[in-house]
C-alpha cells in the first residue's frame, strides 16, 4: 500500500501563511506596496516566493528584473525565519502522520518553500529524521501547478524502489495548484482543507478530500488504495 509518501509543506504540515504574509509586508512596505490579508488569501496563496512577488508587483503596476526578484526573495528570508521562530504553528496530527508514513516507506517533501524554511519547520515538528528527500524552491525552475517538483521526487522514489512504486506514491496537498501538479503525473492525491474549503477542493482532481491532516487514517489509506485498484 502506497510505497512512498510525498508531502507538500506550507498549509499541509505547517500553518505559516500568516508568517509569509507578514514577511512579504516587511519587504514590500519600504517600496510603498501594501498587501492586505484579503488580497493575500484570494490572489497570492499557493505561489512560491518568486511567483508571489511577481504577482504582487504586477498588481501594483511595477515591473522588475529577475535580479531584483532574487534580491526580494533573499530579503524576505530572514524576516520569515525570525517570525517563524516566534510564531510558527503546526497542524495537529501532522507530525504523527509523517512518522507513521515513514514507518511504511520513504517520505519526501515537495514544496515551493525555501529549503531552510522547510528544514526549520520539520525540526519544529520533530520529524526531520523521517524525511529522506526535500524538493524545494531552489531545486525547480517552475512552481506548482507545474509538476516539475513532483517529477524530481518521482525520480528519487524510482531510484529507491523502482518505477512502479514511484507511480503509486501518495501525495498530500492543500491547494488546487498542488493537486494539479500531482495529478498531472497520475499520482494519487489526498487534499486537506487547511487553506481551501472542502467544497473548493472537491472540484479538483484530488482522489480524496479531508477536513484536516489528522483525518488521514490507516483505514482511509487502505480504502483509497483499494478504490484506486492499486
Foldseek 3Di string as FASTA:
>chain_A
DQAEAEEADDLAWWPCVVLVQVLLCVLCVVVVFDDDPVCCLPPPPQDFQLVNVCVSCVVVVHDDDPVVSVVSVVSSVVSSVVVCVVDIGTFPPNLVVLVVRLVRHAYAYQYQYDPVVRVVSCVVSPCPVSHDYYHYNVNDDDGFVALVSLVVVLVVVCVVPRNVSSLAHEYEEADLRVLNSCVVSPYAYEYEPRSHDQVVVVPHPHLYYDPGPNPPDPVNVVVSCVVVVD
